[in-house]
Amino acid sequence: MDRSSETPPSRAVTLAVLGLASMTIMANATVASSLPGLRAHYADVPHIDTLAGLIVTLPSLAIVLSAGLMGVLIDRWDRQKLLLLTAALYAIGGTSGLWAESLWGMLAGRLALGLGVAGTMNLGMTWASDLWQGPARARFLGWQGAAISLAGIVFMLAGGALASLHWRGAFAVYALIVPIATLAFLVLGPHARRIAAEKARPKAVASSADRFPWAAYAFIAPLAFLFQTAFYVTPTRLPFHLEALGVTSPLVVGALMAALVTVSAPVALMYGRIRARLSAMTIFGLSFFLIGLGFLAHATASDWHGVLMGSLIAGLGMGISMPNYTTWFMERVPASMRGRASGLLTTAFFLGQFASPLVSAPLVAWFGLAGTFAVVGTGLMTLGTGLWVVHALRPDPTALEA
């Protein structure tokens, strides 16, 4: 039994772990508002349209390639040193748009940012699993999901405001990692030293709990991949669907997309109470069903009102989904392997994010934008119903004692 947290973590520790989680939302979209200015500045660079797009997607690729390694390092190396290293990569790479003269230097910075996000995100996920157990963990992961959603709104608005002053301005938002990492380094130090001492103690007998739950990962990874693949259909395809419906105002488009996050944040805050009443498998099924229903509302919308309704419905599913993945998986992972588990789960999430436009492109070519939302929505609702049926026939296996 893991007793890594005999007393509730302090408020400073809670803020530090929430802060590390909130910084992950900025990996890609924060600088989206800077892309027109960047493209104009480097207009003489060949293939600038493609390269400007890579400014957004390169961090995800770096995260996919490095998240597993970062997870292993969390389990085997000094967490505080890893925090300093990845926070430095985050800060230098993230702010590269402020000081890099060449586009190639900026692209290299985006790769460094991805490495930094892979480290800080996995550290936040692992600390959440180490310091909170049982119902308290479910409650905290709900707070974490809400923090990520709220940070997304704040950082996107801040990025847009700074980009309106200068196209490089949005890159300054990444400097927020400095105070957050400083707080985390100061308040998590005692916990890191205690965990390192526990790992150094010799184990008398190896138990089955020391084996990595690959069967559980084989179940959760495809779900996480599908969740992110579906999630990123919204930012990559919905603006064009709205344009086809006659909605061209950037402000209205942004507000309709933000509606999804606005709903998901308070729902995530309620996750602890929801999880106390519903099983994790039931929540998975409900989440996919609601997201699919929201997508069907997008598909059948004749104006922005229908799209707004779809975003509100999908937001309900999104809000209960994110904390559920970590809660379900970490209940089955031994304490000594939580870093590796965080890295592998992060890989599945960001692989789905990176693959989303590649998956949706042929669907758009075959069925059009509205048809794509209909096909994806129907598939998600079918998946959600299937998860309910599987759970009814075969309830969840017993998790490891937290």
Protein backbone atom coordinates (compact mmCIF):
# COMPACT_ATOMS: atom_id res chain seq x y z
CA MET A 1 0.00 0.00 0.00
CA ASP A 2 1.31 3.43 -0.96
CA ARG A 3 1.22 5.87 1.92
CA SER A 4 2.95 8.69 0.15
CA SER A 5 0.53 11.22 1.56
CA GLU A 6 -0.52 10.65 5.18
CA THR A 7 -1.82 14.22 5.50
CA PRO A 8 -3.44 16.42 2.84
CA PRO A 9 -0.89 18.40 0.81
CA SER A 10 -0.50 22.06 1.69
CA ARG A 11 -2.13 24.82 -0.30
CA ALA A 12 1.25 25.76 -1.80
CA VAL A 13 1.83 22.17 -2.99
CA THR A 14 -1.69 22.06 -4.44
CA LEU A 15 -1.12 25.32 -6.33
CA ALA A 16 2.26 24.11 -7.60
CA VAL A 17 0.89 20.85 -9.03
CA LEU A 18 -2.12 22.64 -10.52
CA GLY A 19 0.25 25.19 -12.05
CA LEU A 20 2.39 22.52 -13.71
CA ALA A 21 -0.75 20.98 -15.20
CA SER A 22 -2.13 24.31 -16.42
CA MET A 23 1.02 25.06 -18.43
CA THR A 24 0.42 22.11 -20.74
CA ILE A 25 -2.55 23.78 -22.41
CA MET A 26 -0.26 26.43 -23.93
CA ALA A 27 1.89 24.03 -25.94
CA ASN A 28 0.22 24.74 -29.27
CA ALA A 29 -2.71 27.09 -29.56
CA THR A 30 -1.45 30.07 -27.55
CA VAL A 31 0.49 31.44 -30.53
CA ALA A 32 -2.23 30.80 -33.11
CA SER A 33 -3.09 34.50 -33.12
CA SER A 34 0.54 35.31 -34.04
CA LEU A 35 0.59 33.19 -37.19
CA PRO A 36 -0.67 35.85 -39.66
CA GLY A 37 2.01 38.30 -38.49
CA LEU A 38 4.68 35.60 -38.49
CA ARG A 39 3.74 34.57 -42.01
CA ALA A 40 3.95 38.17 -43.20
CA HIS A 41 7.33 38.69 -41.48
CA TYR A 42 8.83 35.60 -43.15
CA ALA A 43 6.95 35.98 -46.44
CA ASP A 44 10.16 35.47 -48.44
CA VAL A 45 10.84 32.04 -46.87
CA PRO A 46 9.87 29.17 -49.23
CA HIS A 47 6.85 27.11 -48.10
CA ILE A 48 6.08 29.64 -45.36
CA ASP A 49 2.44 28.47 -45.05
CA THR A 50 3.53 24.94 -44.16
CA LEU A 51 6.32 26.12 -41.88
CA ALA A 52 3.97 28.50 -40.07
CA GLY A 53 1.68 25.54 -39.41
CA LEU A 54 4.60 23.64 -37.92
CA ILE A 55 4.94 26.39 -35.32
CA VAL A 56 1.67 25.04 -33.92
CA THR A 57 2.17 21.28 -34.39
CA LEU A 58 5.88 20.68 -33.68
CA PRO A 59 5.49 20.70 -29.87
CA SER A 60 2.99 17.85 -30.10
CA LEU A 61 5.41 15.78 -32.19
CA ALA A 62 8.22 16.37 -29.67
CA ILE A 63 5.90 15.38 -26.82
CA VAL A 64 4.90 12.15 -28.57
CA LEU A 65 8.55 11.21 -29.11
CA SER A 66 9.79 12.11 -25.62
CA ALA A 67 6.94 11.61 -23.13
CA GLY A 68 7.75 7.94 -22.50
CA LEU A 69 11.40 8.74 -21.77
CA MET A 70 10.39 11.59 -19.45
CA GLY A 71 8.16 9.19 -17.54
CA VAL A 72 11.01 6.73 -17.04
CA LEU A 73 13.28 9.57 -15.85
CA ILE A 74 10.66 10.59 -13.26
CA ASP A 75 10.78 7.09 -11.80
CA ARG A 76 14.56 6.69 -11.91
CA TRP A 77 16.13 10.16 -11.66
CA ASP A 78 16.00 13.13 -9.32
CA ARG A 79 12.62 14.79 -9.91
CA GLN A 80 13.85 18.21 -8.87
CA LYS A 81 16.70 18.16 -11.37
CA LEU A 82 14.29 17.01 -14.06
CA LEU A 83 11.92 19.86 -13.13
CA LEU A 84 14.70 22.43 -13.56
CA LEU A 85 15.84 20.92 -16.86
CA THR A 86 12.39 20.68 -18.43
CA ALA A 87 11.27 24.07 -17.12
CA ALA A 88 14.38 25.60 -18.72
CA LEU A 89 13.57 23.88 -22.02
CA TYR A 90 9.99 25.13 -21.72
CA ALA A 91 11.01 28.72 -21.00
CA ILE A 92 13.76 28.94 -23.63
CA GLY A 93 11.85 27.10 -26.32
CA GLY A 94 8.52 28.75 -25.58
CA THR A 95 9.87 32.30 -25.67
CA SER A 96 12.02 31.64 -28.75
CA GLY A 97 9.52 33.62 -30.80
CA LEU A 98 10.57 36.73 -28.87
CA TRP A 99 14.27 36.56 -29.67
CA ALA A 100 14.96 34.04 -32.48
CA GLU A 101 15.82 35.92 -35.66
CA SER A 102 15.44 33.03 -38.10
CA LEU A 103 12.34 30.91 -38.62
CA TRP A 104 14.49 27.81 -38.27
CA GLY A 105 15.63 28.94 -34.84
CA MET A 106 12.00 29.43 -33.89
CA LEU A 107 11.10 25.94 -35.11
CA ALA A 108 13.96 24.49 -33.05
CA GLY A 109 12.54 26.38 -30.10
CA ARG A 110 9.15 24.74 -30.63
CA LEU A 111 10.80 21.32 -30.45
CA ALA A 112 12.49 22.35 -27.18
CA LEU A 113 9.12 23.55 -25.90
CA GLY A 114 7.64 20.11 -26.62
CA LEU A 115 10.39 18.45 -24.60
CA GLY A 116 9.69 20.85 -21.75
CA VAL A 117 5.95 20.19 -21.85
CA ALA A 118 6.55 16.42 -21.86
CA GLY A 119 8.53 16.80 -18.64
CA THR A 120 6.34 19.28 -16.77
CA MET A 121 3.09 17.56 -17.76
CA ASN A 122 4.32 14.15 -16.63
CA LEU A 123 5.67 15.60 -13.39
CA GLY A 124 2.31 17.20 -12.67
CA MET A 125 0.43 13.98 -13.43
CA THR A 126 2.81 11.87 -11.33
CA TRP A 127 2.73 14.24 -8.36
CA ALA A 128 -1.08 14.24 -8.49
CA SER A 129 -1.05 10.45 -8.25
CA ASP A 130 1.61 10.37 -5.51
CA LEU A 131 0.21 13.01 -3.16
CA TRP A 132 -3.52 12.30 -3.38
CA GLN A 133 -5.16 8.87 -3.04
CA GLY A 134 -8.62 7.39 -3.35
CA PRO A 135 -11.54 9.86 -3.44
CA ALA A 136 -9.15 12.73 -2.73
CA ARG A 137 -7.24 11.89 -5.92
CA ALA A 138 -10.43 11.87 -7.99
CA ARG A 139 -11.41 15.23 -6.49
CA PHE A 140 -7.98 16.75 -7.12
CA LEU A 141 -7.84 15.49 -10.72
CA GLY A 142 -11.17 17.21 -11.25
CA TRP A 143 -9.60 20.44 -10.00
CA GLN A 144 -6.68 19.79 -12.32
CA GLY A 145 -8.97 19.37 -15.32
CA ALA A 146 -10.74 22.60 -14.44
CA ALA A 147 -7.40 24.41 -14.04
CA ILE A 148 -6.31 23.24 -17.49
CA SER A 149 -9.57 24.44 -19.04
CA LEU A 150 -9.50 27.82 -17.30
CA ALA A 151 -5.84 28.28 -18.16
CA GLY A 152 -6.68 27.63 -21.79
CA ILE A 153 -9.16 30.51 -21.78
CA VAL A 154 -6.83 32.90 -19.95
CA PHE A 155 -3.73 32.07 -21.99
CA MET A 156 -5.54 32.24 -25.31
CA LEU A 157 -6.93 35.68 -24.43
CA ALA A 158 -3.51 36.84 -23.19
CA GLY A 159 -1.83 35.53 -26.33
CA GLY A 160 -4.32 37.32 -28.53
CA ALA A 161 -3.95 40.58 -26.62
CA LEU A 162 -0.15 40.48 -26.79
CA ALA A 163 -0.20 39.51 -30.46
CA SER A 164 -2.32 42.58 -31.17
CA LEU A 165 0.60 44.68 -29.93
CA HIS A 166 3.21 42.76 -31.96
CA TRP A 167 3.11 39.36 -33.64
CA ARG A 168 5.95 38.16 -31.37
CA GLY A 169 4.05 39.18 -28.24
CA ALA A 170 2.10 35.94 -27.73
CA PHE A 171 5.36 34.03 -27.17
CA ALA A 172 5.88 35.97 -23.93
CA VAL A 173 3.08 33.99 -22.26
CA TYR A 174 5.38 30.96 -22.03
CA ALA A 175 7.55 32.83 -19.51
CA LEU A 176 4.89 32.03 -16.89
CA ILE A 177 6.61 28.68 -16.45
CA VAL A 178 9.37 30.46 -14.49
CA PRO A 179 7.34 31.45 -11.38
CA ILE A 180 5.32 28.22 -11.50
CA ALA A 181 8.42 26.00 -11.72
CA THR A 182 10.11 28.05 -8.97
CA LEU A 183 7.16 27.47 -6.65
CA ALA A 184 7.10 23.76 -7.52
CA PHE A 185 10.84 23.41 -6.91
CA LEU A 186 10.59 25.03 -3.48
CA VAL A 187 7.50 23.28 -2.11
CA LEU A 188 7.90 19.83 -3.67
CA GLY A 189 11.51 19.38 -2.54
CA PRO A 190 10.69 17.61 0.77
CA HIS A 191 8.29 15.23 -1.00
CA ALA A 192 10.87 14.48 -3.70
CA ARG A 193 13.52 13.65 -1.10
CA ARG A 194 11.12 11.38 0.79
CA ILE A 195 10.14 9.49 -2.35
CA ALA A 196 13.80 9.12 -3.36
CA ALA A 197 14.59 7.69 0.08
CA GLU A 198 11.70 5.23 -0.18
CA LYS A 199 12.92 4.03 -3.57
CA ALA A 200 16.44 3.53 -2.18
CA ARG A 201 15.23 1.09 0.45
CA PRO A 202 15.84 -2.56 -0.51
CA LYS A 203 12.74 -4.59 -1.27
CA ALA A 204 12.56 -7.93 0.46
CA VAL A 205 10.17 -9.61 -1.97
CA ALA A 206 8.99 -8.50 -5.38
CA SER A 207 5.22 -8.73 -5.72
CA SER A 208 2.80 -8.77 -8.61
CA ALA A 209 2.03 -5.15 -7.82
CA ASP A 210 5.53 -4.29 -9.08
CA ARG A 211 4.62 -5.32 -12.62
CA PHE A 212 3.54 -2.67 -15.04
CA PRO A 213 -0.16 -3.10 -15.96
CA TRP A 214 0.27 -3.43 -19.70
CA ALA A 215 -3.22 -4.93 -20.10
CA ALA A 216 -4.74 -1.83 -18.51
CA TYR A 217 -2.63 0.40 -20.76
CA ALA A 218 -3.71 -1.56 -23.83
CA PHE A 219 -7.28 -0.60 -22.91
CA ILE A 220 -6.80 3.02 -21.86
CA ALA A 221 -4.31 4.14 -24.55
CA PRO A 222 -6.66 3.64 -27.53
CA LEU A 223 -9.44 5.44 -25.64
CA ALA A 224 -7.12 8.37 -24.85
CA PHE A 225 -5.98 8.46 -28.48
CA LEU A 226 -9.56 8.47 -29.80
CA PHE A 227 -10.60 11.11 -27.26
CA GLN A 228 -7.89 13.55 -28.35
CA THR A 229 -8.37 12.75 -32.04
CA ALA A 230 -12.05 13.65 -31.67
CA PHE A 231 -11.39 16.64 -29.43
CA TYR A 232 -9.11 18.31 -31.98
CA VAL A 233 -11.68 18.02 -34.74
CA THR A 234 -13.26 21.04 -33.05
CA PRO A 235 -10.39 23.57 -33.30
CA THR A 236 -9.22 22.27 -36.70
CA ARG A 237 -12.59 21.93 -38.50
CA LEU A 238 -15.30 23.85 -36.65
CA PRO A 239 -14.15 27.36 -37.76
CA PHE A 240 -14.50 26.29 -41.41
CA HIS A 241 -17.90 24.71 -40.71
CA LEU A 242 -19.03 27.98 -39.14
CA GLU A 243 -17.76 29.87 -42.18
CA ALA A 244 -19.92 27.63 -44.37
CA LEU A 245 -22.88 28.54 -42.15
CA GLY A 246 -22.18 32.25 -42.73
CA VAL A 247 -20.40 32.97 -39.43
CA THR A 248 -17.25 34.90 -40.37
CA SER A 249 -16.59 37.11 -37.33
CA PRO A 250 -13.40 35.89 -35.56
CA LEU A 251 -14.87 37.08 -32.26
CA VAL A 252 -18.02 34.98 -32.69
CA VAL A 253 -16.04 31.95 -33.86
CA GLY A 254 -13.74 32.22 -30.86
CA ALA A 255 -16.67 32.60 -28.47
CA LEU A 256 -18.43 29.53 -29.86
CA MET A 257 -15.27 27.45 -29.50
CA ALA A 258 -14.63 28.80 -26.01
CA ALA A 259 -18.14 27.74 -24.99
CA LEU A 260 -16.95 24.14 -24.96
CA VAL A 261 -14.12 24.93 -22.51
CA THR A 262 -16.38 27.19 -20.43
CA VAL A 263 -18.73 24.26 -19.80
CA SER A 264 -16.02 21.64 -19.32
CA ALA A 265 -14.26 23.54 -16.50
CA PRO A 266 -17.11 23.52 -13.92
CA VAL A 267 -18.00 19.94 -14.86
CA ALA A 268 -14.40 18.90 -14.20
CA LEU A 269 -14.63 20.55 -10.77
CA MET A 270 -17.54 18.23 -10.01
CA TYR A 271 -15.66 15.12 -11.12
CA GLY A 272 -14.93 13.91 -7.57
CA ARG A 273 -18.62 13.89 -6.70
CA ILE A 274 -19.56 12.33 -10.03
CA ARG A 275 -16.95 9.60 -9.62
CA ALA A 276 -18.31 8.79 -6.15
CA ARG A 277 -21.65 7.90 -7.77
CA LEU A 278 -20.66 6.47 -11.15
CA SER A 279 -18.01 3.93 -12.13
CA ALA A 280 -15.09 5.02 -14.31
CA MET A 281 -16.36 2.87 -17.18
CA THR A 282 -19.80 4.47 -16.98
CA ILE A 283 -18.14 7.90 -17.14
CA PHE A 284 -16.10 6.84 -20.20
CA GLY A 285 -19.27 5.73 -21.97
CA LEU A 286 -21.19 8.86 -20.98
CA SER A 287 -18.32 11.10 -22.08
CA PHE A 288 -18.03 9.64 -25.58
CA PHE A 289 -21.82 9.63 -25.97
CA LEU A 290 -22.13 13.32 -25.01
CA ILE A 291 -19.24 14.42 -27.24
CA GLY A 292 -20.76 12.47 -30.12
CA LEU A 293 -24.18 14.03 -29.48
CA GLY A 294 -22.58 17.47 -29.52
CA PHE A 295 -20.91 16.69 -32.85
CA LEU A 296 -24.26 15.62 -34.30
CA ALA A 297 -25.66 18.99 -33.21
CA HIS A 298 -22.80 20.65 -35.12
CA ALA A 299 -23.60 18.53 -38.18
CA THR A 300 -27.29 19.41 -38.23
CA ALA A 301 -26.92 23.09 -37.28
CA SER A 302 -28.35 25.63 -39.68
CA ASP A 303 -26.81 28.63 -37.90
CA TRP A 304 -24.59 29.48 -34.95
CA HIS A 305 -27.29 28.63 -32.40
CA GLY A 306 -27.07 24.95 -33.28
CA VAL A 307 -23.27 25.05 -33.09
CA LEU A 308 -23.48 26.70 -29.66
CA MET A 309 -25.78 23.92 -28.45
CA GLY A 310 -23.35 21.32 -29.80
CA SER A 311 -20.42 22.96 -28.00
CA LEU A 312 -22.31 23.04 -24.71
CA ILE A 313 -23.25 19.35 -24.97
CA ALA A 314 -19.74 18.27 -26.03
CA GLY A 315 -18.29 20.36 -23.20
CA LEU A 316 -20.18 18.24 -20.68
CA GLY A 317 -18.50 15.13 -22.07
CA MET A 318 -15.08 16.75 -22.22
CA GLY A 319 -15.24 17.96 -18.62
CA ILE A 320 -15.82 14.52 -17.07
CA SER A 321 -13.42 12.75 -19.42
CA MET A 322 -9.91 14.11 -18.82
CA PRO A 323 -9.61 13.39 -15.07
CA ASN A 324 -11.22 9.99 -15.61
CA TYR A 325 -8.30 8.69 -17.69
CA THR A 326 -5.69 9.45 -15.05
CA THR A 327 -7.90 8.23 -12.19
CA TRP A 328 -8.71 4.89 -13.84
CA PHE A 329 -5.16 4.17 -14.97
CA MET A 330 -3.28 5.26 -11.86
CA GLU A 331 -5.50 3.07 -9.68
CA ARG A 332 -3.86 0.14 -11.46
CA VAL A 333 -0.23 1.35 -11.49
CA PRO A 334 2.21 0.59 -8.64
CA ALA A 335 3.66 3.69 -6.99
CA SER A 336 7.17 2.99 -8.28
CA MET A 337 5.98 3.15 -11.91
CA ARG A 338 3.69 6.17 -11.92
CA GLY A 339 6.17 8.29 -13.88
CA ARG A 340 6.34 5.71 -16.66
CA ALA A 341 2.54 5.44 -16.61
CA SER A 342 2.18 9.23 -16.90
CA GLY A 343 4.59 9.28 -19.83
CA LEU A 344 2.78 6.54 -21.73
CA LEU A 345 -0.62 8.13 -21.12
CA THR A 346 0.73 11.50 -22.27
CA THR A 347 2.06 9.84 -25.43
CA ALA A 348 -1.40 8.46 -26.24
CA PHE A 349 -3.04 11.85 -25.66
CA PHE A 350 -0.68 13.86 -27.83
CA LEU A 351 -0.46 11.22 -30.54
CA GLY A 352 -4.21 11.60 -30.94
CA GLN A 353 -3.86 15.38 -30.98
CA PHE A 354 -1.16 15.22 -33.64
CA ALA A 355 -3.10 12.68 -35.73
CA SER A 356 -6.46 14.45 -35.58
CA PRO A 357 -6.12 16.64 -38.71
CA LEU A 358 -4.60 13.71 -40.60
CA VAL A 359 -7.57 11.50 -39.67
CA SER A 360 -10.25 14.11 -40.35
CA ALA A 361 -8.81 15.28 -43.71
CA PRO A 362 -10.04 12.27 -45.74
CA LEU A 363 -13.39 12.41 -43.94
CA VAL A 364 -13.81 16.04 -45.00
CA ALA A 365 -12.88 15.08 -48.58
CA TRP A 366 -15.44 12.27 -48.63
CA PHE A 367 -18.33 13.67 -46.57
CA GLY A 368 -17.79 17.43 -46.30
CA LEU A 369 -17.53 19.36 -43.04
CA ALA A 370 -21.05 18.71 -41.76
CA GLY A 371 -20.79 15.07 -42.82
CA THR A 372 -17.50 14.71 -40.95
CA PHE A 373 -19.09 15.89 -37.71
CA ALA A 374 -21.98 13.49 -38.34
CA VAL A 375 -19.70 10.50 -38.99
CA VAL A 376 -17.41 11.22 -36.02
CA GLY A 377 -20.37 11.97 -33.77
CA THR A 378 -22.14 8.73 -34.68
CA GLY A 379 -18.94 6.77 -34.13
CA LEU A 380 -18.41 8.32 -30.69
CA MET A 381 -21.98 7.65 -29.60
CA THR A 382 -21.63 4.04 -30.75
CA LEU A 383 -18.36 3.71 -28.82
CA GLY A 384 -19.94 5.17 -25.69
CA THR A 385 -22.86 2.77 -25.89
CA GLY A 386 -20.47 -0.13 -26.45
CA LEU A 387 -18.49 0.77 -23.33
CA TRP A 388 -21.70 0.73 -21.28
CA VAL A 389 -22.59 -2.71 -22.64
CA VAL A 390 -19.09 -4.09 -21.95
CA HIS A 391 -19.18 -2.70 -18.41
CA ALA A 392 -22.60 -4.26 -17.79
CA LEU A 393 -21.35 -7.65 -18.97
CA ARG A 394 -17.93 -7.44 -17.31
CA PRO A 395 -17.54 -4.95 -14.43
CA ASP A 396 -14.24 -3.20 -13.72
CA PRO A 397 -11.52 -5.41 -12.26
CA THR A 398 -10.31 -4.55 -8.79
CA ALA A 399 -7.75 -1.75 -8.86
CA LEU A 400 -4.55 -1.62 -6.84
CA GLU A 401 -5.02 -0.27 -3.35
CA ALA A 402 -4.03 3.38 -3.49
